[in-house]
């Protein structure tokens, strides 16, 4: 982020505080943020 590279983070972050830290890191480096949320129904999650 400090060098201005485009970064894609593949990391499941279910806790608000963890996501907030990642957002703050990007903002500190003045980098845009886009979150991709993958949704699955609970039955599928439990089966997997």
ModelCIF file with pLDDT and N, C-alpha, C, O atoms, coordinates in Angstrom:
data_MODEL
#
_entry.id   MODEL 
#
_entity.id                         1 
_entity.type                       polymer 
_entity.pdbx_number_of_molecules   1 
#
_entity_poly.entity_id                      1 
_entity_poly.type                           'polypeptide(L)' 
_entity_poly.nstd_linkage                   no 
_entity_poly.nstd_monomer                   no 
_entity_poly.pdbx_seq_one_letter_code       
;(UNK)(UNK)(UNK)(UNK)(UNK)(UNK)(UNK)(UNK)(UNK)(UNK)(UNK)(UNK)(UNK)(UNK)(UNK)(UNK)
(UNK)(UNK)(UNK)(UNK)(UNK)(UNK)(UNK)(UNK)(UNK)(UNK)(UNK)(UNK)(UNK)(UNK)(UNK)(UNK)
(UNK)(UNK)(UNK)(UNK)(UNK)(UNK)(UNK)(UNK)(UNK)(UNK)(UNK)(UNK)(UNK)(UNK)(UNK)(UNK)
;
_entity_poly.pdbx_seq_one_letter_code_can   XXXXXXXXXXXXXXXXXXXXXXXXXXXXXXXXXXXXXXXXXXXXXXXX 
_entity_poly.pdbx_strand_id                 A 
#
loop_
_entity_poly_seq.entity_id 
_entity_poly_seq.num 
_entity_poly_seq.mon_id 
_entity_poly_seq.hetero 
1 1  UNK n 
1 2  UNK n 
1 3  UNK n 
1 4  UNK n 
1 5  UNK n 
1 6  UNK n 
1 7  UNK n 
1 8  UNK n 
1 9  UNK n 
1 10 UNK n 
1 11 UNK n 
1 12 UNK n 
1 13 UNK n 
1 14 UNK n 
1 15 UNK n 
1 16 UNK n 
1 17 UNK n 
1 18 UNK n 
1 19 UNK n 
1 20 UNK n 
1 21 UNK n 
1 22 UNK n 
1 23 UNK n 
1 24 UNK n 
1 25 UNK n 
1 26 UNK n 
1 27 UNK n 
1 28 UNK n 
1 29 UNK n 
1 30 UNK n 
1 31 UNK n 
1 32 UNK n 
1 33 UNK n 
1 34 UNK n 
1 35 UNK n 
1 36 UNK n 
1 37 UNK n 
1 38 UNK n 
1 39 UNK n 
1 40 UNK n 
1 41 UNK n 
1 42 UNK n 
1 43 UNK n 
1 44 UNK n 
1 45 UNK n 
1 46 UNK n 
1 47 UNK n 
1 48 UNK n 
#
_struct_asym.id          A 
_struct_asym.entity_id   1 
#
loop_
_ma_qa_metric.id 
_ma_qa_metric.mode 
_ma_qa_metric.name 
_ma_qa_metric.software_group_id 
_ma_qa_metric.type 
1 global pLDDT . pLDDT 
2 local  pLDDT . pLDDT 
#
_ma_qa_metric_global.metric_id      1 
_ma_qa_metric_global.metric_value   84.92 
_ma_qa_metric_global.model_id       1 
_ma_qa_metric_global.ordinal_id     1 
#
loop_
_ma_qa_metric_local.label_asym_id 
_ma_qa_metric_local.label_comp_id 
_ma_qa_metric_local.label_seq_id 
_ma_qa_metric_local.metric_id 
_ma_qa_metric_local.metric_value 
_ma_qa_metric_local.model_id 
_ma_qa_metric_local.ordinal_id 
A UNK 1  2 95.00 1 1  
A UNK 2  2 95.00 1 2  
A UNK 3  2 94.00 1 3  
A UNK 4  2 92.00 1 4  
A UNK 5  2 92.00 1 5  
A UNK 6  2 92.00 1 6  
A UNK 7  2 91.00 1 7  
A UNK 8  2 91.00 1 8  
A UNK 9  2 91.00 1 9  
A UNK 10 2 88.00 1 10 
A UNK 11 2 86.00 1 11 
A UNK 12 2 79.00 1 12 
A UNK 13 2 77.00 1 13 
A UNK 14 2 70.00 1 14 
A UNK 15 2 79.00 1 15 
A UNK 16 2 81.00 1 16 
A UNK 17 2 86.00 1 17 
A UNK 18 2 88.00 1 18 
A UNK 19 2 86.00 1 19 
A UNK 20 2 88.00 1 20 
A UNK 21 2 91.00 1 21 
A UNK 22 2 91.00 1 22 
A UNK 23 2 90.00 1 23 
A UNK 24 2 92.00 1 24 
A UNK 25 2 92.00 1 25 
A UNK 26 2 92.00 1 26 
A UNK 27 2 92.00 1 27 
A UNK 28 2 93.00 1 28 
A UNK 29 2 93.00 1 29 
A UNK 30 2 92.00 1 30 
A UNK 31 2 92.00 1 31 
A UNK 32 2 89.00 1 32 
A UNK 33 2 86.00 1 33 
A UNK 34 2 84.00 1 34 
A UNK 35 2 79.00 1 35 
A UNK 36 2 76.00 1 36 
A UNK 37 2 71.00 1 37 
A UNK 38 2 69.00 1 38 
A UNK 39 2 70.00 1 39 
A UNK 40 2 72.00 1 40 
A UNK 41 2 74.00 1 41 
A UNK 42 2 76.00 1 42 
A UNK 43 2 80.00 1 43 
A UNK 44 2 80.00 1 44 
A UNK 45 2 76.00 1 45 
A UNK 46 2 79.00 1 46 
A UNK 47 2 84.00 1 47 
A UNK 48 2 80.00 1 48 
#
loop_
_atom_site.group_PDB 
_atom_site.id 
_atom_site.type_symbol 
_atom_site.label_atom_id 
_atom_site.label_alt_id 
_atom_site.label_comp_id 
_atom_site.label_asym_id 
_atom_site.label_entity_id 
_atom_site.label_seq_id 
_atom_site.pdbx_PDB_ins_code 
_atom_site.Cartn_x 
_atom_site.Cartn_y 
_atom_site.Cartn_z 
_atom_site.occupancy 
_atom_site.B_iso_or_equiv 
_atom_site.pdbx_formal_charge 
_atom_site.auth_seq_id 
_atom_site.auth_comp_id 
_atom_site.auth_asym_id 
_atom_site.auth_atom_id 
_atom_site.pdbx_PDB_model_num 
ATOM 1   N N  . UNK A 1 1  ? 0.830   -1.208  0.000  1.00 95.00 ? 1  UNK A N  1 
ATOM 2   C CA . UNK A 1 1  ? 0.000   0.000   0.000  1.00 95.00 ? 1  UNK A CA 1 
ATOM 3   C C  . UNK A 1 1  ? 0.864   1.257   0.000  1.00 95.00 ? 1  UNK A C  1 
ATOM 4   O O  . UNK A 1 1  ? 0.515   2.247   -0.642 1.00 95.00 ? 1  UNK A O  1 
ATOM 5   N N  . UNK A 1 2  ? 1.984   1.226   0.712  1.00 95.00 ? 2  UNK A N  1 
ATOM 6   C CA . UNK A 1 2  ? 2.839   2.417   0.802  1.00 95.00 ? 2  UNK A CA 1 
ATOM 7   C C  . UNK A 1 2  ? 3.517   2.744   -0.527 1.00 95.00 ? 2  UNK A C  1 
ATOM 8   O O  . UNK A 1 2  ? 3.887   3.893   -0.768 1.00 95.00 ? 2  UNK A O  1 
ATOM 9   N N  . UNK A 1 3  ? 3.680   1.740   -1.387 1.00 94.00 ? 3  UNK A N  1 
ATOM 10  C CA . UNK A 1 3  ? 4.298   1.993   -2.696 1.00 94.00 ? 3  UNK A CA 1 
ATOM 11  C C  . UNK A 1 3  ? 3.261   2.276   -3.780 1.00 94.00 ? 3  UNK A C  1 
ATOM 12  O O  . UNK A 1 3  ? 3.612   2.526   -4.933 1.00 94.00 ? 3  UNK A O  1 
ATOM 13  N N  . UNK A 1 4  ? 1.974   2.234   -3.401 1.00 92.00 ? 4  UNK A N  1 
ATOM 14  C CA . UNK A 1 4  ? 0.916   2.523   -4.363 1.00 92.00 ? 4  UNK A CA 1 
ATOM 15  C C  . UNK A 1 4  ? 0.506   1.335   -5.212 1.00 92.00 ? 4  UNK A C  1 
ATOM 16  O O  . UNK A 1 4  ? -0.249  1.492   -6.172 1.00 92.00 ? 4  UNK A O  1 
ATOM 17  N N  . UNK A 1 5  ? 0.997   0.140   -4.869 1.00 92.00 ? 5  UNK A N  1 
ATOM 18  C CA . UNK A 1 5  ? 0.613   -1.064  -5.611 1.00 92.00 ? 5  UNK A CA 1 
ATOM 19  C C  . UNK A 1 5  ? -0.876  -1.334  -5.445 1.00 92.00 ? 5  UNK A C  1 
ATOM 20  O O  . UNK A 1 5  ? -1.462  -1.007  -4.413 1.00 92.00 ? 5  UNK A O  1 
ATOM 21  N N  . UNK A 1 6  ? -1.477  -1.926  -6.455 1.00 92.00 ? 6  UNK A N  1 
ATOM 22  C CA . UNK A 1 6  ? -2.850  -2.404  -6.344 1.00 92.00 ? 6  UNK A CA 1 
ATOM 23  C C  . UNK A 1 6  ? -2.784  -3.709  -5.567 1.00 92.00 ? 6  UNK A C  1 
ATOM 24  O O  . UNK A 1 6  ? -2.040  -4.616  -5.941 1.00 92.00 ? 6  UNK A O  1 
ATOM 25  N N  . UNK A 1 7  ? -3.553  -3.814  -4.492 1.00 91.00 ? 7  UNK A N  1 
ATOM 26  C CA . UNK A 1 7  ? -3.501  -4.988  -3.622 1.00 91.00 ? 7  UNK A CA 1 
ATOM 27  C C  . UNK A 1 7  ? -4.882  -5.624  -3.541 1.00 91.00 ? 7  UNK A C  1 
ATOM 28  O O  . UNK A 1 7  ? -5.888  -4.946  -3.333 1.00 91.00 ? 7  UNK A O  1 
ATOM 29  N N  . UNK A 1 8  ? -4.906  -6.934  -3.710 1.00 91.00 ? 8  UNK A N  1 
ATOM 30  C CA . UNK A 1 8  ? -6.115  -7.723  -3.512 1.00 91.00 ? 8  UNK A CA 1 
ATOM 31  C C  . UNK A 1 8  ? -5.873  -8.599  -2.297 1.00 91.00 ? 8  UNK A C  1 
ATOM 32  O O  . UNK A 1 8  ? -4.948  -9.411  -2.292 1.00 91.00 ? 8  UNK A O  1 
ATOM 33  N N  . UNK A 1 9  ? -6.690  -8.445  -1.274 1.00 91.00 ? 9  UNK A N  1 
ATOM 34  C CA . UNK A 1 9  ? -6.546  -9.215  -0.048 1.00 91.00 ? 9  UNK A CA 1 
ATOM 35  C C  . UNK A 1 9  ? -7.580  -10.326 -0.025 1.00 91.00 ? 9  UNK A C  1 
ATOM 36  O O  . UNK A 1 9  ? -8.783  -10.067 -0.030 1.00 91.00 ? 9  UNK A O  1 
ATOM 37  N N  . UNK A 1 10 ? -7.108  -11.563 0.002  1.00 88.00 ? 10 UNK A N  1 
ATOM 38  C CA . UNK A 1 10 ? -7.988  -12.729 0.087  1.00 88.00 ? 10 UNK A CA 1 
ATOM 39  C C  . UNK A 1 10 ? -7.924  -13.218 1.523  1.00 88.00 ? 10 UNK A C  1 
ATOM 40  O O  . UNK A 1 10 ? -7.029  -13.973 1.901  1.00 88.00 ? 10 UNK A O  1 
ATOM 41  N N  . UNK A 1 11 ? -8.885  -12.776 2.310  1.00 86.00 ? 11 UNK A N  1 
ATOM 42  C CA . UNK A 1 11 ? -8.864  -13.062 3.735  1.00 86.00 ? 11 UNK A CA 1 
ATOM 43  C C  . UNK A 1 11 ? -10.285 -12.936 4.279  1.00 86.00 ? 11 UNK A C  1 
ATOM 44  O O  . UNK A 1 11 ? -10.925 -11.896 4.127  1.00 86.00 ? 11 UNK A O  1 
ATOM 45  N N  . UNK A 1 12 ? -10.763 -13.985 4.904  1.00 79.00 ? 12 UNK A N  1 
ATOM 46  C CA . UNK A 1 12 ? -12.090 -13.937 5.506  1.00 79.00 ? 12 UNK A CA 1 
ATOM 47  C C  . UNK A 1 12 ? -11.983 -13.176 6.820  1.00 79.00 ? 12 UNK A C  1 
ATOM 48  O O  . UNK A 1 12 ? -11.288 -13.610 7.739  1.00 79.00 ? 12 UNK A O  1 
ATOM 49  N N  . UNK A 1 13 ? -12.654 -12.070 6.906  1.00 77.00 ? 13 UNK A N  1 
ATOM 50  C CA . UNK A 1 13 ? -12.582 -11.215 8.095  1.00 77.00 ? 13 UNK A CA 1 
ATOM 51  C C  . UNK A 1 13 ? -13.981 -11.027 8.648  1.00 77.00 ? 13 UNK A C  1 
ATOM 52  O O  . UNK A 1 13 ? -14.702 -10.112 8.251  1.00 77.00 ? 13 UNK A O  1 
ATOM 53  N N  . UNK A 1 14 ? -14.356 -11.901 9.569  1.00 70.00 ? 14 UNK A N  1 
ATOM 54  C CA . UNK A 1 14 ? -15.722 -11.877 10.085 1.00 70.00 ? 14 UNK A CA 1 
ATOM 55  C C  . UNK A 1 14 ? -15.900 -10.923 11.255 1.00 70.00 ? 14 UNK A C  1 
ATOM 56  O O  . UNK A 1 14 ? -17.032 -10.630 11.639 1.00 70.00 ? 14 UNK A O  1 
ATOM 57  N N  . UNK A 1 15 ? -14.825 -10.441 11.820 1.00 79.00 ? 15 UNK A N  1 
ATOM 58  C CA . UNK A 1 15 ? -14.921 -9.550  12.976 1.00 79.00 ? 15 UNK A CA 1 
ATOM 59  C C  . UNK A 1 15 ? -14.817 -8.093  12.533 1.00 79.00 ? 15 UNK A C  1 
ATOM 60  O O  . UNK A 1 15 ? -13.930 -7.724  11.763 1.00 79.00 ? 15 UNK A O  1 
ATOM 61  N N  . UNK A 1 16 ? -15.725 -7.285  13.026 1.00 81.00 ? 16 UNK A N  1 
ATOM 62  C CA . UNK A 1 16 ? -15.764 -5.862  12.669 1.00 81.00 ? 16 UNK A CA 1 
ATOM 63  C C  . UNK A 1 16 ? -14.430 -5.193  12.959 1.00 81.00 ? 16 UNK A C  1 
ATOM 64  O O  . UNK A 1 16 ? -13.937 -4.432  12.126 1.00 81.00 ? 16 UNK A O  1 
ATOM 65  N N  . UNK A 1 17 ? -13.836 -5.452  14.110 1.00 86.00 ? 17 UNK A N  1 
ATOM 66  C CA . UNK A 1 17 ? -12.578 -4.778  14.477 1.00 86.00 ? 17 UNK A CA 1 
ATOM 67  C C  . UNK A 1 17 ? -11.449 -5.121  13.508 1.00 86.00 ? 17 UNK A C  1 
ATOM 68  O O  . UNK A 1 17 ? -10.590 -4.283  13.235 1.00 86.00 ? 17 UNK A O  1 
ATOM 69  N N  . UNK A 1 18 ? -11.447 -6.350  12.988 1.00 88.00 ? 18 UNK A N  1 
ATOM 70  C CA . UNK A 1 18 ? -10.410 -6.757  12.030 1.00 88.00 ? 18 UNK A CA 1 
ATOM 71  C C  . UNK A 1 18 ? -10.619 -6.022  10.712 1.00 88.00 ? 18 UNK A C  1 
ATOM 72  O O  . UNK A 1 18 ? -9.669  -5.500  10.129 1.00 88.00 ? 18 UNK A O  1 
ATOM 73  N N  . UNK A 1 19 ? -11.862 -5.981  10.247 1.00 86.00 ? 19 UNK A N  1 
ATOM 74  C CA . UNK A 1 19 ? -12.143 -5.245  9.006  1.00 86.00 ? 19 UNK A CA 1 
ATOM 75  C C  . UNK A 1 19 ? -11.822 -3.769  9.180  1.00 86.00 ? 19 UNK A C  1 
ATOM 76  O O  . UNK A 1 19 ? -11.266 -3.148  8.274  1.00 86.00 ? 19 UNK A O  1 
ATOM 77  N N  . UNK A 1 20 ? -12.160 -3.202  10.320 1.00 88.00 ? 20 UNK A N  1 
ATOM 78  C CA . UNK A 1 20 ? -11.885 -1.779  10.565 1.00 88.00 ? 20 UNK A CA 1 
ATOM 79  C C  . UNK A 1 20 ? -10.386 -1.496  10.495 1.00 88.00 ? 20 UNK A C  1 
ATOM 80  O O  . UNK A 1 20 ? -9.975  -0.461  9.970  1.00 88.00 ? 20 UNK A O  1 
ATOM 81  N N  . UNK A 1 21 ? -9.573  -2.404  11.018 1.00 91.00 ? 21 UNK A N  1 
ATOM 82  C CA . UNK A 1 21 ? -8.118  -2.233  10.957 1.00 91.00 ? 21 UNK A CA 1 
ATOM 83  C C  . UNK A 1 21 ? -7.632  -2.266  9.513  1.00 91.00 ? 21 UNK A C  1 
ATOM 84  O O  . UNK A 1 21 ? -6.770  -1.473  9.133  1.00 91.00 ? 21 UNK A O  1 
ATOM 85  N N  . UNK A 1 22 ? -8.169  -3.162  8.713  1.00 91.00 ? 22 UNK A N  1 
ATOM 86  C CA . UNK A 1 22 ? -7.754  -3.247  7.308  1.00 91.00 ? 22 UNK A CA 1 
ATOM 87  C C  . UNK A 1 22 ? -8.172  -1.991  6.547  1.00 91.00 ? 22 UNK A C  1 
ATOM 88  O O  . UNK A 1 22 ? -7.409  -1.473  5.732  1.00 91.00 ? 22 UNK A O  1 
ATOM 89  N N  . UNK A 1 23 ? -9.380  -1.502  6.811  1.00 90.00 ? 23 UNK A N  1 
ATOM 90  C CA . UNK A 1 23 ? -9.845  -0.274  6.172  1.00 90.00 ? 23 UNK A CA 1 
ATOM 91  C C  . UNK A 1 23 ? -8.950  0.899   6.585  1.00 90.00 ? 23 UNK A C  1 
ATOM 92  O O  . UNK A 1 23 ? -8.569  1.718   5.749  1.00 90.00 ? 23 UNK A O  1 
ATOM 93  N N  . UNK A 1 24 ? -8.622  0.973   7.859  1.00 92.00 ? 24 UNK A N  1 
ATOM 94  C CA . UNK A 1 24 ? -7.750  2.054   8.345  1.00 92.00 ? 24 UNK A CA 1 
ATOM 95  C C  . UNK A 1 24 ? -6.374  2.002   7.677  1.00 92.00 ? 24 UNK A C  1 
ATOM 96  O O  . UNK A 1 24 ? -5.812  3.045   7.342  1.00 92.00 ? 24 UNK A O  1 
ATOM 97  N N  . UNK A 1 25 ? -5.831  0.806   7.482  1.00 92.00 ? 25 UNK A N  1 
ATOM 98  C CA . UNK A 1 25 ? -4.527  0.672   6.806  1.00 92.00 ? 25 UNK A CA 1 
ATOM 99  C C  . UNK A 1 25 ? -4.591  1.260   5.397  1.00 92.00 ? 25 UNK A C  1 
ATOM 100 O O  . UNK A 1 25 ? -3.696  1.997   4.984  1.00 92.00 ? 25 UNK A O  1 
ATOM 101 N N  . UNK A 1 26 ? -5.650  0.930   4.667  1.00 92.00 ? 26 UNK A N  1 
ATOM 102 C CA . UNK A 1 26 ? -5.784  1.455   3.306  1.00 92.00 ? 26 UNK A CA 1 
ATOM 103 C C  . UNK A 1 26 ? -5.953  2.973   3.327  1.00 92.00 ? 26 UNK A C  1 
ATOM 104 O O  . UNK A 1 26 ? -5.342  3.679   2.524  1.00 92.00 ? 26 UNK A O  1 
ATOM 105 N N  . UNK A 1 27 ? -6.768  3.466   4.231  1.00 92.00 ? 27 UNK A N  1 
ATOM 106 C CA . UNK A 1 27 ? -6.993  4.918   4.311  1.00 92.00 ? 27 UNK A CA 1 
ATOM 107 C C  . UNK A 1 27 ? -5.722  5.668   4.695  1.00 92.00 ? 27 UNK A C  1 
ATOM 108 O O  . UNK A 1 27 ? -5.458  6.760   4.191  1.00 92.00 ? 27 UNK A O  1 
ATOM 109 N N  . UNK A 1 28 ? -4.945  5.077   5.584  1.00 93.00 ? 28 UNK A N  1 
ATOM 110 C CA . UNK A 1 28 ? -3.680  5.699   5.999  1.00 93.00 ? 28 UNK A CA 1 
ATOM 111 C C  . UNK A 1 28 ? -2.763  5.919   4.793  1.00 93.00 ? 28 UNK A C  1 
ATOM 112 O O  . UNK A 1 28 ? -2.013  6.894   4.745  1.00 93.00 ? 28 UNK A O  1 
ATOM 113 N N  . UNK A 1 29 ? -2.828  5.016   3.835  1.00 93.00 ? 29 UNK A N  1 
ATOM 114 C CA . UNK A 1 29 ? -2.004  5.116   2.629  1.00 93.00 ? 29 UNK A CA 1 
ATOM 115 C C  . UNK A 1 29 ? -2.762  5.773   1.471  1.00 93.00 ? 29 UNK A C  1 
ATOM 116 O O  . UNK A 1 29 ? -2.295  5.795   0.332  1.00 93.00 ? 29 UNK A O  1 
ATOM 117 N N  . UNK A 1 30 ? -3.953  6.310   1.799  1.00 92.00 ? 30 UNK A N  1 
ATOM 118 C CA . UNK A 1 30 ? -4.794  7.000   0.803  1.00 92.00 ? 30 UNK A CA 1 
ATOM 119 C C  . UNK A 1 30 ? -5.082  6.108   -0.406 1.00 92.00 ? 30 UNK A C  1 
ATOM 120 O O  . UNK A 1 30 ? -4.984  6.540   -1.555 1.00 92.00 ? 30 UNK A O  1 
ATOM 121 N N  . UNK A 1 31 ? -5.434  4.868   -0.121 1.00 92.00 ? 31 UNK A N  1 
ATOM 122 C CA . UNK A 1 31 ? -5.749  3.900   -1.170 1.00 92.00 ? 31 UNK A CA 1 
ATOM 123 C C  . UNK A 1 31 ? -7.246  3.605   -1.162 1.00 92.00 ? 31 UNK A C  1 
ATOM 124 O O  . UNK A 1 31 ? -7.849  3.530   -0.091 1.00 92.00 ? 31 UNK A O  1 
ATOM 125 N N  . UNK A 1 32 ? -7.860  3.435   -2.339 1.00 89.00 ? 32 UNK A N  1 
ATOM 126 C CA . UNK A 1 32 ? -9.296  3.118   -2.393 1.00 89.00 ? 32 UNK A CA 1 
ATOM 127 C C  . UNK A 1 32 ? -9.567  1.715   -1.839 1.00 89.00 ? 32 UNK A C  1 
ATOM 128 O O  . UNK A 1 32 ? -8.688  0.854   -1.839 1.00 89.00 ? 32 UNK A O  1 
ATOM 129 N N  . UNK A 1 33 ? -10.787 1.506   -1.372 1.00 86.00 ? 33 UNK A N  1 
ATOM 130 C CA . UNK A 1 33 ? -11.173 0.242   -0.745 1.00 86.00 ? 33 UNK A CA 1 
ATOM 131 C C  . UNK A 1 33 ? -12.451 -0.269  -1.401 1.00 86.00 ? 33 UNK A C  1 
ATOM 132 O O  . UNK A 1 33 ? -13.417 0.477   -1.563 1.00 86.00 ? 33 UNK A O  1 
ATOM 133 N N  . UNK A 1 34 ? -12.448 -1.526  -1.771 1.00 84.00 ? 34 UNK A N  1 
ATOM 134 C CA . UNK A 1 34 ? -13.656 -2.194  -2.253 1.00 84.00 ? 34 UNK A CA 1 
ATOM 135 C C  . UNK A 1 34 ? -13.702 -3.544  -1.551 1.00 84.00 ? 34 UNK A C  1 
ATOM 136 O O  . UNK A 1 34 ? -12.744 -4.315  -1.616 1.00 84.00 ? 34 UNK A O  1 
ATOM 137 N N  . UNK A 1 35 ? -14.806 -3.827  -0.886 1.00 79.00 ? 35 UNK A N  1 
ATOM 138 C CA . UNK A 1 35 ? -14.982 -5.121  -0.225 1.00 79.00 ? 35 UNK A CA 1 
ATOM 139 C C  . UNK A 1 35 ? -15.851 -6.003  -1.103 1.00 79.00 ? 35 UNK A C  1 
ATOM 140 O O  . UNK A 1 35 ? -16.837 -5.539  -1.676 1.00 79.00 ? 35 UNK A O  1 
ATOM 141 N N  . UNK A 1 36 ? -15.492 -7.259  -1.209 1.00 76.00 ? 36 UNK A N  1 
ATOM 142 C CA . UNK A 1 36 ? -16.320 -8.224  -1.928 1.00 76.00 ? 36 UNK A CA 1 
ATOM 143 C C  . UNK A 1 36 ? -16.841 -9.200  -0.892 1.00 76.00 ? 36 UNK A C  1 
ATOM 144 O O  . UNK A 1 36 ? -16.073 -9.872  -0.202 1.00 76.00 ? 36 UNK A O  1 
ATOM 145 N N  . UNK A 1 37 ? -18.151 -9.264  -0.795 1.00 71.00 ? 37 UNK A N  1 
ATOM 146 C CA . UNK A 1 37 ? -18.772 -10.141 0.201  1.00 71.00 ? 37 UNK A CA 1 
ATOM 147 C C  . UNK A 1 37 ? -19.406 -11.313 -0.542 1.00 71.00 ? 37 UNK A C  1 
ATOM 148 O O  . UNK A 1 37 ? -20.275 -11.130 -1.395 1.00 71.00 ? 37 UNK A O  1 
ATOM 149 N N  . UNK A 1 38 ? -18.959 -12.506 -0.207 1.00 69.00 ? 38 UNK A N  1 
ATOM 150 C CA . UNK A 1 38 ? -19.523 -13.722 -0.787 1.00 69.00 ? 38 UNK A CA 1 
ATOM 151 C C  . UNK A 1 38 ? -20.574 -14.245 0.166  1.00 69.00 ? 38 UNK A C  1 
ATOM 152 O O  . UNK A 1 38 ? -20.316 -14.412 1.358  1.00 69.00 ? 38 UNK A O  1 
ATOM 153 N N  . UNK A 1 39 ? -21.742 -14.501 -0.352 1.00 70.00 ? 39 UNK A N  1 
ATOM 154 C CA . UNK A 1 39 ? -22.857 -14.926 0.485  1.00 70.00 ? 39 UNK A CA 1 
ATOM 155 C C  . UNK A 1 39 ? -23.232 -16.364 0.144  1.00 70.00 ? 39 UNK A C  1 
ATOM 156 O O  . UNK A 1 39 ? -23.319 -16.734 -1.026 1.00 70.00 ? 39 UNK A O  1 
ATOM 157 N N  . UNK A 1 40 ? -23.445 -17.146 1.152  1.00 72.00 ? 40 UNK A N  1 
ATOM 158 C CA . UNK A 1 40 ? -23.951 -18.515 0.977  1.00 72.00 ? 40 UNK A CA 1 
ATOM 159 C C  . UNK A 1 40 ? -24.991 -18.744 2.060  1.00 72.00 ? 40 UNK A C  1 
ATOM 160 O O  . UNK A 1 40 ? -24.901 -18.183 3.152  1.00 72.00 ? 40 UNK A O  1 
ATOM 161 N N  . UNK A 1 41 ? -25.971 -19.567 1.749  1.00 74.00 ? 41 UNK A N  1 
ATOM 162 C CA . UNK A 1 41 ? -26.991 -19.826 2.756  1.00 74.00 ? 41 UNK A CA 1 
ATOM 163 C C  . UNK A 1 41 ? -26.383 -20.684 3.874  1.00 74.00 ? 41 UNK A C  1 
ATOM 164 O O  . UNK A 1 41 ? -25.438 -21.433 3.625  1.00 74.00 ? 41 UNK A O  1 
ATOM 165 N N  . UNK A 1 42 ? -26.906 -20.586 5.089  1.00 76.00 ? 42 UNK A N  1 
ATOM 166 C CA . UNK A 1 42 ? -26.337 -21.322 6.235  1.00 76.00 ? 42 UNK A CA 1 
ATOM 167 C C  . UNK A 1 42 ? -26.241 -22.827 6.020  1.00 76.00 ? 42 UNK A C  1 
ATOM 168 O O  . UNK A 1 42 ? -25.273 -23.441 6.467  1.00 76.00 ? 42 UNK A O  1 
ATOM 169 N N  . UNK A 1 43 ? -27.216 -23.442 5.347  1.00 80.00 ? 43 UNK A N  1 
ATOM 170 C CA . UNK A 1 43 ? -27.153 -24.888 5.123  1.00 80.00 ? 43 UNK A CA 1 
ATOM 171 C C  . UNK A 1 43 ? -25.923 -25.264 4.296  1.00 80.00 ? 43 UNK A C  1 
ATOM 172 O O  . UNK A 1 43 ? -25.264 -26.266 4.573  1.00 80.00 ? 43 UNK A O  1 
ATOM 173 N N  . UNK A 1 44 ? -25.622 -24.462 3.289  1.00 80.00 ? 44 UNK A N  1 
ATOM 174 C CA . UNK A 1 44 ? -24.434 -24.709 2.463  1.00 80.00 ? 44 UNK A CA 1 
ATOM 175 C C  . UNK A 1 44 ? -23.171 -24.565 3.297  1.00 80.00 ? 44 UNK A C  1 
ATOM 176 O O  . UNK A 1 44 ? -22.257 -25.382 3.188  1.00 80.00 ? 44 UNK A O  1 
ATOM 177 N N  . UNK A 1 45 ? -23.115 -23.532 4.126  1.00 76.00 ? 45 UNK A N  1 
ATOM 178 C CA . UNK A 1 45 ? -21.943 -23.321 4.987  1.00 76.00 ? 45 UNK A CA 1 
ATOM 179 C C  . UNK A 1 45 ? -21.728 -24.499 5.931  1.00 76.00 ? 45 UNK A C  1 
ATOM 180 O O  . UNK A 1 45 ? -20.608 -24.986 6.085  1.00 76.00 ? 45 UNK A O  1 
ATOM 181 N N  . UNK A 1 46 ? -22.809 -24.950 6.561  1.00 79.00 ? 46 UNK A N  1 
ATOM 182 C CA . UNK A 1 46 ? -22.694 -26.072 7.498  1.00 79.00 ? 46 UNK A CA 1 
ATOM 183 C C  . UNK A 1 46 ? -22.246 -27.338 6.777  1.00 79.00 ? 46 UNK A C  1 
ATOM 184 O O  . UNK A 1 46 ? -21.412 -28.081 7.296  1.00 79.00 ? 46 UNK A O  1 
ATOM 185 N N  . UNK A 1 47 ? -22.784 -27.591 5.595  1.00 84.00 ? 47 UNK A N  1 
ATOM 186 C CA . UNK A 1 47 ? -22.408 -28.785 4.828  1.00 84.00 ? 47 UNK A CA 1 
ATOM 187 C C  . UNK A 1 47 ? -20.933 -28.737 4.445  1.00 84.00 ? 47 UNK A C  1 
ATOM 188 O O  . UNK A 1 47 ? -20.226 -29.738 4.563  1.00 84.00 ? 47 UNK A O  1 
ATOM 189 N N  . UNK A 1 48 ? -20.474 -27.593 3.992  1.00 80.00 ? 48 UNK A N  1 
ATOM 190 C CA . UNK A 1 48 ? -19.054 -27.453 3.624  1.00 80.00 ? 48 UNK A CA 1 
ATOM 191 C C  . UNK A 1 48 ? -18.166 -27.595 4.848  1.00 80.00 ? 48 UNK A C  1 
ATOM 192 O O  . UNK A 1 48 ? -16.943 -27.507 4.737  1.00 80.00 ? 48 UNK A O  1 
#
